All heavy atoms as atom14 arrays in JSON, in Angstrom:
{
  "sequence": "FTLLGRDANAYTQVEVPGTVDHLVDELRDRHGRPLPGADLLLSNPF",
  "atom14_mask": [
    [1, 1, 1, 1, 1, 1, 1, 1, 1, 1, 1, 0, 0, 0],
    [1, 1, 1, 1, 1, 1, 1, 0, 0, 0, 0, 0, 0, 0],
    [1, 1, 1, 1, 1, 1, 1, 1, 0, 0, 0, 0, 0, 0],
    [1, 1, 1, 1, 1, 1, 1, 1, 0, 0, 0, 0, 0, 0],
    [1, 1, 1, 1, 0, 0, 0, 0, 0, 0, 0, 0, 0, 0],
    [1, 1, 1, 1, 1, 1, 1, 1, 1, 1, 1, 0, 0, 0],
    [1, 1, 1, 1, 1, 1, 1, 1, 0, 0, 0, 0, 0, 0],
    [1, 1, 1, 1, 1, 0, 0, 0, 0, 0, 0, 0, 0, 0],
    [1, 1, 1, 1, 1, 1, 1, 1, 0, 0, 0, 0, 0, 0],
    [1, 1, 1, 1, 1, 0, 0, 0, 0, 0, 0, 0, 0, 0],
    [1, 1, 1, 1, 1, 1, 1, 1, 1, 1, 1, 1, 0, 0],
    [1, 1, 1, 1, 1, 1, 1, 0, 0, 0, 0, 0, 0, 0],
    [1, 1, 1, 1, 1, 1, 1, 1, 1, 0, 0, 0, 0, 0],
    [1, 1, 1, 1, 1, 1, 1, 0, 0, 0, 0, 0, 0, 0],
    [1, 1, 1, 1, 1, 1, 1, 1, 1, 0, 0, 0, 0, 0],
    [1, 1, 1, 1, 1, 1, 1, 0, 0, 0, 0, 0, 0, 0],
    [1, 1, 1, 1, 1, 1, 1, 0, 0, 0, 0, 0, 0, 0],
    [1, 1, 1, 1, 0, 0, 0, 0, 0, 0, 0, 0, 0, 0],
    [1, 1, 1, 1, 1, 1, 1, 0, 0, 0, 0, 0, 0, 0],
    [1, 1, 1, 1, 1, 1, 1, 0, 0, 0, 0, 0, 0, 0],
    [1, 1, 1, 1, 1, 1, 1, 1, 0, 0, 0, 0, 0, 0],
    [1, 1, 1, 1, 1, 1, 1, 1, 1, 1, 0, 0, 0, 0],
    [1, 1, 1, 1, 1, 1, 1, 1, 0, 0, 0, 0, 0, 0],
    [1, 1, 1, 1, 1, 1, 1, 0, 0, 0, 0, 0, 0, 0],
    [1, 1, 1, 1, 1, 1, 1, 1, 0, 0, 0, 0, 0, 0],
    [1, 1, 1, 1, 1, 1, 1, 1, 1, 0, 0, 0, 0, 0],
    [1, 1, 1, 1, 1, 1, 1, 1, 0, 0, 0, 0, 0, 0],
    [1, 1, 1, 1, 1, 1, 1, 1, 1, 1, 1, 0, 0, 0],
    [1, 1, 1, 1, 1, 1, 1, 1, 0, 0, 0, 0, 0, 0],
    [1, 1, 1, 1, 1, 1, 1, 1, 1, 1, 1, 0, 0, 0],
    [1, 1, 1, 1, 1, 1, 1, 1, 1, 1, 0, 0, 0, 0],
    [1, 1, 1, 1, 0, 0, 0, 0, 0, 0, 0, 0, 0, 0],
    [1, 1, 1, 1, 1, 1, 1, 1, 1, 1, 1, 0, 0, 0],
    [1, 1, 1, 1, 1, 1, 1, 0, 0, 0, 0, 0, 0, 0],
    [1, 1, 1, 1, 1, 1, 1, 1, 0, 0, 0, 0, 0, 0],
    [1, 1, 1, 1, 1, 1, 1, 0, 0, 0, 0, 0, 0, 0],
    [1, 1, 1, 1, 0, 0, 0, 0, 0, 0, 0, 0, 0, 0],
    [1, 1, 1, 1, 1, 0, 0, 0, 0, 0, 0, 0, 0, 0],
    [1, 1, 1, 1, 1, 1, 1, 1, 0, 0, 0, 0, 0, 0],
    [1, 1, 1, 1, 1, 1, 1, 1, 0, 0, 0, 0, 0, 0],
    [1, 1, 1, 1, 1, 1, 1, 1, 0, 0, 0, 0, 0, 0],
    [1, 1, 1, 1, 1, 1, 1, 1, 0, 0, 0, 0, 0, 0],
    [1, 1, 1, 1, 1, 1, 0, 0, 0, 0, 0, 0, 0, 0],
    [1, 1, 1, 1, 1, 1, 1, 1, 0, 0, 0, 0, 0, 0],
    [1, 1, 1, 1, 1, 1, 1, 0, 0, 0, 0, 0, 0, 0],
    [1, 1, 1, 1, 1, 1, 1, 1, 1, 1, 1, 0, 0, 0]
  ],
  "atom14_positions": [
    [[-8.26, -20.48, -8.71], [-8.11, -19.12, -8.39], [-6.68, -19.04, -7.87], [-6.36, -19.82, -6.82], [-9.15, -18.53, -7.54], [-8.8, -17.09, -7.07], [-8.92, -16.06, -7.87], [-8.22, -16.95, -5.82], [-8.63, -14.82, -7.44], [-7.97, -15.7, -5.32], [-8.09, -14.57, -6.21], [0.0, 0.0, 0.0], [0.0, 0.0, 0.0], [0.0, 0.0, 0.0]],
    [[-5.84, -18.1, -8.26], [-4.48, -17.95, -7.81], [-4.35, -16.49, -7.36], [-4.68, -15.53, -8.19], [-3.37, -18.21, -8.86], [-3.7, -19.62, -9.25], [-2.02, -18.17, -8.25], [0.0, 0.0, 0.0], [0.0, 0.0, 0.0], [0.0, 0.0, 0.0], [0.0, 0.0, 0.0], [0.0, 0.0, 0.0], [0.0, 0.0, 0.0], [0.0, 0.0, 0.0]],
    [[-3.76, -16.27, -6.12], [-3.43, -15.0, -5.65], [-1.88, -14.91, -5.55], [-1.33, -15.73, -4.82], [-4.08, -14.58, -4.38], [-3.63, -13.35, -3.75], [-4.06, -12.1, -4.54], [-4.31, -13.18, -2.31], [0.0, 0.0, 0.0], [0.0, 0.0, 0.0], [0.0, 0.0, 0.0], [0.0, 0.0, 0.0], [0.0, 0.0, 0.0], [0.0, 0.0, 0.0]],
    [[-1.26, -14.02, -6.21], [0.18, -13.91, -6.16], [0.53, -12.57, -5.51], [0.07, -11.59, -5.95], [0.78, -13.99, -7.64], [2.25, -13.46, -7.81], [3.13, -14.57, -7.12], [2.56, -13.41, -9.31], [0.0, 0.0, 0.0], [0.0, 0.0, 0.0], [0.0, 0.0, 0.0], [0.0, 0.0, 0.0], [0.0, 0.0, 0.0], [0.0, 0.0, 0.0]],
    [[1.39, -12.68, -4.58], [1.95, -11.39, -3.97], [3.35, -11.2, -4.46], [4.34, -12.04, -4.09], [0.0, 0.0, 0.0], [0.0, 0.0, 0.0], [0.0, 0.0, 0.0], [0.0, 0.0, 0.0], [0.0, 0.0, 0.0], [0.0, 0.0, 0.0], [0.0, 0.0, 0.0], [0.0, 0.0, 0.0], [0.0, 0.0, 0.0], [0.0, 0.0, 0.0]],
    [[3.58, -10.31, -5.28], [4.85, -10.08, -5.99], [5.92, -9.67, -4.97], [7.09, -10.11, -5.06], [4.81, -9.07, -7.1], [3.96, -9.62, -8.2], [4.08, -8.79, -9.47], [3.24, -9.34, -10.6], [3.56, -10.32, -11.36], [4.73, -10.95, -11.2], [2.8, -10.74, -12.39], [0.0, 0.0, 0.0], [0.0, 0.0, 0.0], [0.0, 0.0, 0.0]],
    [[5.67, -8.79, -4.03], [6.68, -8.39, -3.01], [7.1, -9.45, -2.22], [8.3, -9.7, -1.84], [6.04, -7.28, -2.13], [5.87, -5.94, -2.88], [6.46, -5.78, -3.99], [5.0, -5.15, -2.42], [0.0, 0.0, 0.0], [0.0, 0.0, 0.0], [0.0, 0.0, 0.0], [0.0, 0.0, 0.0], [0.0, 0.0, 0.0], [0.0, 0.0, 0.0]],
    [[6.11, -10.43, -1.78], [6.5, -11.58, -0.93], [7.07, -12.79, -1.82], [7.45, -13.66, -1.23], [5.18, -12.06, -0.21], [0.0, 0.0, 0.0], [0.0, 0.0, 0.0], [0.0, 0.0, 0.0], [0.0, 0.0, 0.0], [0.0, 0.0, 0.0], [0.0, 0.0, 0.0], [0.0, 0.0, 0.0], [0.0, 0.0, 0.0], [0.0, 0.0, 0.0]],
    [[6.82, -12.65, -3.1], [7.21, -13.73, -4.08], [6.58, -15.06, -3.51], [7.22, -16.0, -3.4], [8.69, -13.84, -4.15], [9.09, -14.61, -5.49], [8.27, -14.69, -6.44], [10.19, -15.32, -5.49], [0.0, 0.0, 0.0], [0.0, 0.0, 0.0], [0.0, 0.0, 0.0], [0.0, 0.0, 0.0], [0.0, 0.0, 0.0], [0.0, 0.0, 0.0]],
    [[5.27, -14.99, -3.3], [4.56, -16.11, -2.79], [3.15, -16.11, -3.42], [2.59, -15.05, -3.78], [4.49, -16.08, -1.29], [0.0, 0.0, 0.0], [0.0, 0.0, 0.0], [0.0, 0.0, 0.0], [0.0, 0.0, 0.0], [0.0, 0.0, 0.0], [0.0, 0.0, 0.0], [0.0, 0.0, 0.0], [0.0, 0.0, 0.0], [0.0, 0.0, 0.0]],
    [[2.52, -17.36, -3.55], [1.2, -17.39, -4.1], [0.34, -18.51, -3.37], [1.03, -19.33, -2.68], [1.26, -17.71, -5.58], [1.85, -19.07, -5.96], [1.01, -20.2, -6.1], [3.21, -19.23, -6.07], [1.58, -21.38, -6.44], [3.73, -20.38, -6.39], [2.92, -21.52, -6.59], [3.46, -22.69, -6.95], [0.0, 0.0, 0.0], [0.0, 0.0, 0.0]],
    [[-0.98, -18.28, -3.4], [-1.78, -19.27, -2.79], [-2.91, -19.66, -3.92], [-3.24, -18.71, -4.75], [-2.47, -18.76, -1.59], [-3.22, -19.83, -0.99], [-3.44, -17.65, -1.83], [0.0, 0.0, 0.0], [0.0, 0.0, 0.0], [0.0, 0.0, 0.0], [0.0, 0.0, 0.0], [0.0, 0.0, 0.0], [0.0, 0.0, 0.0], [0.0, 0.0, 0.0]],
    [[-3.33, -20.81, -3.85], [-4.31, -21.31, -4.85], [-5.55, -22.0, -4.22], [-5.39, -22.74, -3.18], [-3.74, -22.17, -5.83], [-2.6, -21.56, -6.81], [-2.11, -22.49, -7.84], [-1.6, -23.5, -7.53], [-2.18, -22.0, -9.1], [0.0, 0.0, 0.0], [0.0, 0.0, 0.0], [0.0, 0.0, 0.0], [0.0, 0.0, 0.0], [0.0, 0.0, 0.0]],
    [[-6.74, -21.81, -4.76], [-7.86, -22.52, -4.27], [-8.65, -22.92, -5.5], [-8.71, -22.34, -6.51], [-8.79, -21.64, -3.35], [-8.09, -21.35, -2.03], [-9.14, -20.27, -4.04], [0.0, 0.0, 0.0], [0.0, 0.0, 0.0], [0.0, 0.0, 0.0], [0.0, 0.0, 0.0], [0.0, 0.0, 0.0], [0.0, 0.0, 0.0], [0.0, 0.0, 0.0]],
    [[-9.32, -24.11, -5.32], [-10.08, -24.66, -6.36], [-11.46, -24.03, -6.28], [-12.13, -24.23, -5.26], [-10.28, -26.24, -6.26], [-8.83, -26.91, -6.52], [-8.31, -26.63, -7.94], [-9.08, -26.9, -8.9], [-7.06, -26.3, -8.04], [0.0, 0.0, 0.0], [0.0, 0.0, 0.0], [0.0, 0.0, 0.0], [0.0, 0.0, 0.0], [0.0, 0.0, 0.0]],
    [[-11.91, -23.36, -7.35], [-13.22, -22.77, -7.4], [-13.83, -22.89, -8.78], [-13.94, -21.98, -9.61], [-13.08, -21.2, -7.05], [-14.59, -20.63, -6.69], [-12.24, -21.02, -5.96], [0.0, 0.0, 0.0], [0.0, 0.0, 0.0], [0.0, 0.0, 0.0], [0.0, 0.0, 0.0], [0.0, 0.0, 0.0], [0.0, 0.0, 0.0], [0.0, 0.0, 0.0]],
    [[-14.08, -24.13, -9.14], [-14.62, -24.34, -10.52], [-15.99, -23.74, -10.81], [-16.87, -23.76, -9.9], [-14.68, -25.95, -10.57], [-14.83, -26.32, -9.22], [-14.12, -25.37, -8.43], [0.0, 0.0, 0.0], [0.0, 0.0, 0.0], [0.0, 0.0, 0.0], [0.0, 0.0, 0.0], [0.0, 0.0, 0.0], [0.0, 0.0, 0.0], [0.0, 0.0, 0.0]],
    [[-16.06, -23.03, -11.93], [-17.34, -22.47, -12.26], [-17.13, -21.14, -13.02], [-16.01, -20.93, -13.55], [0.0, 0.0, 0.0], [0.0, 0.0, 0.0], [0.0, 0.0, 0.0], [0.0, 0.0, 0.0], [0.0, 0.0, 0.0], [0.0, 0.0, 0.0], [0.0, 0.0, 0.0], [0.0, 0.0, 0.0], [0.0, 0.0, 0.0], [0.0, 0.0, 0.0]],
    [[-18.06, -20.26, -12.96], [-18.08, -18.95, -13.65], [-17.38, -17.99, -12.76], [-17.16, -18.13, -11.57], [-19.53, -18.58, -13.97], [-20.2, -18.34, -12.72], [-20.23, -19.6, -14.81], [0.0, 0.0, 0.0], [0.0, 0.0, 0.0], [0.0, 0.0, 0.0], [0.0, 0.0, 0.0], [0.0, 0.0, 0.0], [0.0, 0.0, 0.0], [0.0, 0.0, 0.0]],
    [[-17.22, -16.78, -13.41], [-16.73, -15.74, -12.57], [-17.74, -15.23, -11.63], [-17.34, -14.76, -10.58], [-16.41, -14.51, -13.61], [-16.08, -13.15, -12.89], [-15.14, -14.85, -14.56], [0.0, 0.0, 0.0], [0.0, 0.0, 0.0], [0.0, 0.0, 0.0], [0.0, 0.0, 0.0], [0.0, 0.0, 0.0], [0.0, 0.0, 0.0], [0.0, 0.0, 0.0]],
    [[-19.06, -15.31, -11.91], [-20.05, -14.95, -10.9], [-19.86, -15.81, -9.65], [-19.86, -15.32, -8.51], [-21.43, -15.18, -11.47], [-21.9, -14.21, -12.5], [-21.02, -13.63, -13.15], [-23.12, -13.96, -12.67], [0.0, 0.0, 0.0], [0.0, 0.0, 0.0], [0.0, 0.0, 0.0], [0.0, 0.0, 0.0], [0.0, 0.0, 0.0], [0.0, 0.0, 0.0]],
    [[-19.67, -17.05, -9.85], [-19.45, -17.94, -8.78], [-18.13, -17.69, -8.01], [-18.1, -17.65, -6.71], [-19.44, -19.41, -9.22], [-19.1, -20.49, -8.12], [-19.93, -20.6, -7.15], [-17.98, -21.27, -7.93], [-19.47, -21.52, -6.26], [-18.27, -21.9, -6.76], [0.0, 0.0, 0.0], [0.0, 0.0, 0.0], [0.0, 0.0, 0.0], [0.0, 0.0, 0.0]],
    [[-17.2, -17.29, -8.72], [-15.83, -16.91, -8.07], [-16.03, -15.77, -7.25], [-15.44, -15.74, -6.14], [-14.85, -16.61, -9.19], [-13.49, -16.11, -8.63], [-12.7, -17.1, -8.01], [-12.62, -15.57, -9.91], [0.0, 0.0, 0.0], [0.0, 0.0, 0.0], [0.0, 0.0, 0.0], [0.0, 0.0, 0.0], [0.0, 0.0, 0.0], [0.0, 0.0, 0.0]],
    [[-16.65, -14.6, -7.7], [-16.84, -13.46, -6.96], [-17.53, -13.7, -5.59], [-17.06, -13.22, -4.56], [-17.63, -12.41, -7.75], [-18.08, -11.34, -6.82], [-16.92, -11.9, -8.9], [0.0, 0.0, 0.0], [0.0, 0.0, 0.0], [0.0, 0.0, 0.0], [0.0, 0.0, 0.0], [0.0, 0.0, 0.0], [0.0, 0.0, 0.0], [0.0, 0.0, 0.0]],
    [[-18.59, -14.57, -5.57], [-19.31, -14.9, -4.38], [-18.4, -15.7, -3.45], [-18.41, -15.47, -2.2], [-20.59, -15.63, -4.62], [-21.55, -14.73, -5.3], [-21.49, -13.48, -5.09], [-22.48, -15.25, -5.93], [0.0, 0.0, 0.0], [0.0, 0.0, 0.0], [0.0, 0.0, 0.0], [0.0, 0.0, 0.0], [0.0, 0.0, 0.0], [0.0, 0.0, 0.0]],
    [[-17.64, -16.58, -4.03], [-16.84, -17.49, -3.16], [-15.67, -16.69, -2.53], [-15.37, -16.93, -1.32], [-16.16, -18.62, -4.02], [-17.26, -19.71, -4.36], [-17.6, -20.59, -3.13], [-16.67, -21.19, -2.58], [-18.78, -20.47, -2.68], [0.0, 0.0, 0.0], [0.0, 0.0, 0.0], [0.0, 0.0, 0.0], [0.0, 0.0, 0.0], [0.0, 0.0, 0.0]],
    [[-15.06, -15.9, -3.21], [-13.94, -14.99, -2.74], [-14.54, -14.14, -1.6], [-13.83, -13.96, -0.6], [-13.33, -14.32, -3.86], [-12.55, -15.18, -4.9], [-11.91, -14.16, -5.89], [-11.4, -15.96, -4.17], [0.0, 0.0, 0.0], [0.0, 0.0, 0.0], [0.0, 0.0, 0.0], [0.0, 0.0, 0.0], [0.0, 0.0, 0.0], [0.0, 0.0, 0.0]],
    [[-15.65, -13.62, -1.82], [-16.2, -12.62, -0.79], [-16.63, -13.43, 0.43], [-16.33, -13.0, 1.61], [-17.36, -11.84, -1.48], [-17.98, -10.81, -0.47], [-19.27, -10.3, -0.96], [-20.27, -11.31, -0.8], [-20.93, -11.87, -1.88], [-20.62, -11.5, -3.07], [-21.81, -12.78, -1.66], [0.0, 0.0, 0.0], [0.0, 0.0, 0.0], [0.0, 0.0, 0.0]],
    [[-17.36, -14.47, 0.3], [-18.02, -15.1, 1.4], [-17.24, -16.06, 2.09], [-17.23, -16.11, 3.39], [-19.28, -15.85, 0.9], [-20.38, -14.94, 0.36], [-20.31, -13.7, 0.61], [-21.16, -15.42, -0.6], [0.0, 0.0, 0.0], [0.0, 0.0, 0.0], [0.0, 0.0, 0.0], [0.0, 0.0, 0.0], [0.0, 0.0, 0.0], [0.0, 0.0, 0.0]],
    [[-16.3, -16.74, 1.44], [-15.44, -17.77, 2.07], [-14.08, -17.36, 2.27], [-13.37, -17.84, 3.27], [-15.48, -18.97, 1.23], [-16.86, -19.73, 1.17], [-16.76, -21.03, 0.4], [-15.91, -21.96, 0.99], [-15.45, -23.12, 0.44], [-15.97, -23.49, -0.73], [-14.59, -23.95, 1.07], [0.0, 0.0, 0.0], [0.0, 0.0, 0.0], [0.0, 0.0, 0.0]],
    [[-13.52, -16.44, 1.53], [-12.08, -16.17, 1.51], [-11.78, -14.69, 1.88], [-10.53, -14.41, 2.2], [-11.44, -16.61, 0.26], [-11.6, -18.0, -0.1], [-10.99, -19.08, 0.6], [-12.31, -18.62, -0.99], [-11.25, -20.27, 0.14], [-12.18, -20.0, -0.9], [0.0, 0.0, 0.0], [0.0, 0.0, 0.0], [0.0, 0.0, 0.0], [0.0, 0.0, 0.0]],
    [[-12.75, -13.82, 1.91], [-12.46, -12.48, 2.22], [-11.52, -11.74, 1.23], [-10.72, -10.86, 1.65], [0.0, 0.0, 0.0], [0.0, 0.0, 0.0], [0.0, 0.0, 0.0], [0.0, 0.0, 0.0], [0.0, 0.0, 0.0], [0.0, 0.0, 0.0], [0.0, 0.0, 0.0], [0.0, 0.0, 0.0], [0.0, 0.0, 0.0], [0.0, 0.0, 0.0]],
    [[-11.64, -12.17, 0.01], [-10.74, -11.59, -1.07], [-11.59, -10.92, -2.13], [-12.01, -11.67, -3.04], [-9.9, -12.71, -1.64], [-8.74, -13.2, -0.76], [-7.62, -12.28, -0.5], [-6.67, -12.85, 0.3], [-5.45, -12.14, 0.68], [-5.44, -10.9, 0.26], [-4.64, -12.76, 1.48], [0.0, 0.0, 0.0], [0.0, 0.0, 0.0], [0.0, 0.0, 0.0]],
    [[-11.8, -9.63, -2.03], [-12.62, -9.06, -3.07], [-11.87, -8.9, -4.36], [-10.72, -8.65, -4.39], [-12.99, -7.65, -2.42], [-11.83, -7.32, -1.58], [-11.4, -8.63, -1.04], [0.0, 0.0, 0.0], [0.0, 0.0, 0.0], [0.0, 0.0, 0.0], [0.0, 0.0, 0.0], [0.0, 0.0, 0.0], [0.0, 0.0, 0.0], [0.0, 0.0, 0.0]],
    [[-12.68, -8.7, -5.46], [-12.11, -8.41, -6.68], [-12.47, -6.91, -6.99], [-13.58, -6.38, -6.78], [-12.69, -9.21, -7.95], [-12.28, -10.76, -7.78], [-13.19, -11.49, -8.89], [-10.84, -10.91, -7.96], [0.0, 0.0, 0.0], [0.0, 0.0, 0.0], [0.0, 0.0, 0.0], [0.0, 0.0, 0.0], [0.0, 0.0, 0.0], [0.0, 0.0, 0.0]],
    [[-11.55, -6.14, -7.66], [-11.86, -4.8, -7.99], [-13.09, -4.52, -8.76], [-13.25, -5.16, -9.9], [-10.57, -4.33, -8.75], [-9.5, -5.3, -8.51], [-10.26, -6.6, -8.14], [0.0, 0.0, 0.0], [0.0, 0.0, 0.0], [0.0, 0.0, 0.0], [0.0, 0.0, 0.0], [0.0, 0.0, 0.0], [0.0, 0.0, 0.0], [0.0, 0.0, 0.0]],
    [[-14.0, -3.77, -8.42], [-15.28, -3.55, -9.08], [-16.09, -4.72, -9.4], [-16.73, -4.88, -10.43], [0.0, 0.0, 0.0], [0.0, 0.0, 0.0], [0.0, 0.0, 0.0], [0.0, 0.0, 0.0], [0.0, 0.0, 0.0], [0.0, 0.0, 0.0], [0.0, 0.0, 0.0], [0.0, 0.0, 0.0], [0.0, 0.0, 0.0], [0.0, 0.0, 0.0]],
    [[-16.1, -5.58, -8.43], [-16.67, -6.97, -8.65], [-18.07, -7.0, -9.14], [-18.41, -7.88, -10.06], [-16.55, -7.85, -7.31], [0.0, 0.0, 0.0], [0.0, 0.0, 0.0], [0.0, 0.0, 0.0], [0.0, 0.0, 0.0], [0.0, 0.0, 0.0], [0.0, 0.0, 0.0], [0.0, 0.0, 0.0], [0.0, 0.0, 0.0], [0.0, 0.0, 0.0]],
    [[-18.93, -6.12, -8.69], [-20.32, -6.12, -9.12], [-20.44, -5.74, -10.57], [-21.4, -6.25, -11.4], [-21.12, -4.95, -8.41], [-21.25, -5.39, -6.83], [-21.64, -6.42, -6.51], [-20.71, -4.44, -6.04], [0.0, 0.0, 0.0], [0.0, 0.0, 0.0], [0.0, 0.0, 0.0], [0.0, 0.0, 0.0], [0.0, 0.0, 0.0], [0.0, 0.0, 0.0]],
    [[-19.41, -5.09, -11.21], [-19.51, -4.69, -12.57], [-18.97, -5.76, -13.45], [-19.22, -5.68, -14.69], [-18.57, -3.43, -12.76], [-18.9, -2.24, -11.89], [-17.96, -1.1, -12.14], [-20.3, -1.72, -12.16], [0.0, 0.0, 0.0], [0.0, 0.0, 0.0], [0.0, 0.0, 0.0], [0.0, 0.0, 0.0], [0.0, 0.0, 0.0], [0.0, 0.0, 0.0]],
    [[-18.48, -6.83, -12.88], [-17.85, -8.0, -13.68], [-18.91, -9.06, -13.85], [-18.67, -10.02, -14.59], [-16.65, -8.56, -12.96], [-15.5, -7.6, -12.72], [-14.37, -8.23, -12.01], [-14.96, -6.92, -13.96], [0.0, 0.0, 0.0], [0.0, 0.0, 0.0], [0.0, 0.0, 0.0], [0.0, 0.0, 0.0], [0.0, 0.0, 0.0], [0.0, 0.0, 0.0]],
    [[-19.94, -9.09, -13.17], [-20.9, -10.15, -13.12], [-21.8, -10.23, -14.49], [-21.76, -9.24, -15.28], [-21.89, -10.05, -11.96], [-21.21, -10.03, -10.57], [-22.15, -9.81, -9.42], [-20.41, -11.2, -10.43], [0.0, 0.0, 0.0], [0.0, 0.0, 0.0], [0.0, 0.0, 0.0], [0.0, 0.0, 0.0], [0.0, 0.0, 0.0], [0.0, 0.0, 0.0]],
    [[-22.35, -11.29, -14.69], [-23.13, -11.5, -15.97], [-24.36, -10.64, -15.93], [-24.89, -10.38, -17.01], [-23.58, -13.04, -16.04], [-24.29, -13.38, -14.91], [0.0, 0.0, 0.0], [0.0, 0.0, 0.0], [0.0, 0.0, 0.0], [0.0, 0.0, 0.0], [0.0, 0.0, 0.0], [0.0, 0.0, 0.0], [0.0, 0.0, 0.0], [0.0, 0.0, 0.0]],
    [[-24.9, -10.23, -14.78], [-26.0, -9.33, -14.71], [-25.73, -8.25, -13.71], [-26.36, -8.34, -12.56], [-27.31, -10.05, -14.45], [-28.56, -9.21, -14.6], [-28.53, -7.97, -14.54], [-29.72, -9.86, -14.79], [0.0, 0.0, 0.0], [0.0, 0.0, 0.0], [0.0, 0.0, 0.0], [0.0, 0.0, 0.0], [0.0, 0.0, 0.0], [0.0, 0.0, 0.0]],
    [[-24.91, -7.28, -14.08], [-24.66, -6.27, -13.0], [-25.91, -5.53, -12.41], [-25.91, -5.14, -11.25], [-23.81, -5.15, -13.83], [-23.07, -6.09, -14.86], [-24.18, -7.05, -15.18], [0.0, 0.0, 0.0], [0.0, 0.0, 0.0], [0.0, 0.0, 0.0], [0.0, 0.0, 0.0], [0.0, 0.0, 0.0], [0.0, 0.0, 0.0], [0.0, 0.0, 0.0]],
    [[-26.94, -5.3, -13.21], [-28.11, -4.64, -12.79], [-28.72, -5.45, -11.54], [-29.09, -4.76, -10.57], [-29.16, -4.49, -13.86], [-30.41, -3.71, -13.53], [-30.47, -2.32, -13.5], [-31.53, -4.43, -13.07], [-31.53, -1.65, -13.16], [-32.66, -3.67, -12.73], [-32.69, -2.3, -12.66], [0.0, 0.0, 0.0], [0.0, 0.0, 0.0], [0.0, 0.0, 0.0]]
  ]
}
């Protein structure tokens, strides 16, 4: 997973192998980085 700040012209990367579902949980719980509309992107939004 890569987060790029264009204004700062800097980026950070973390290894999060797996699915988008796993990524959403890892970013929320471990890194405090939410994805826009994250619940709607999961394999089972319901």
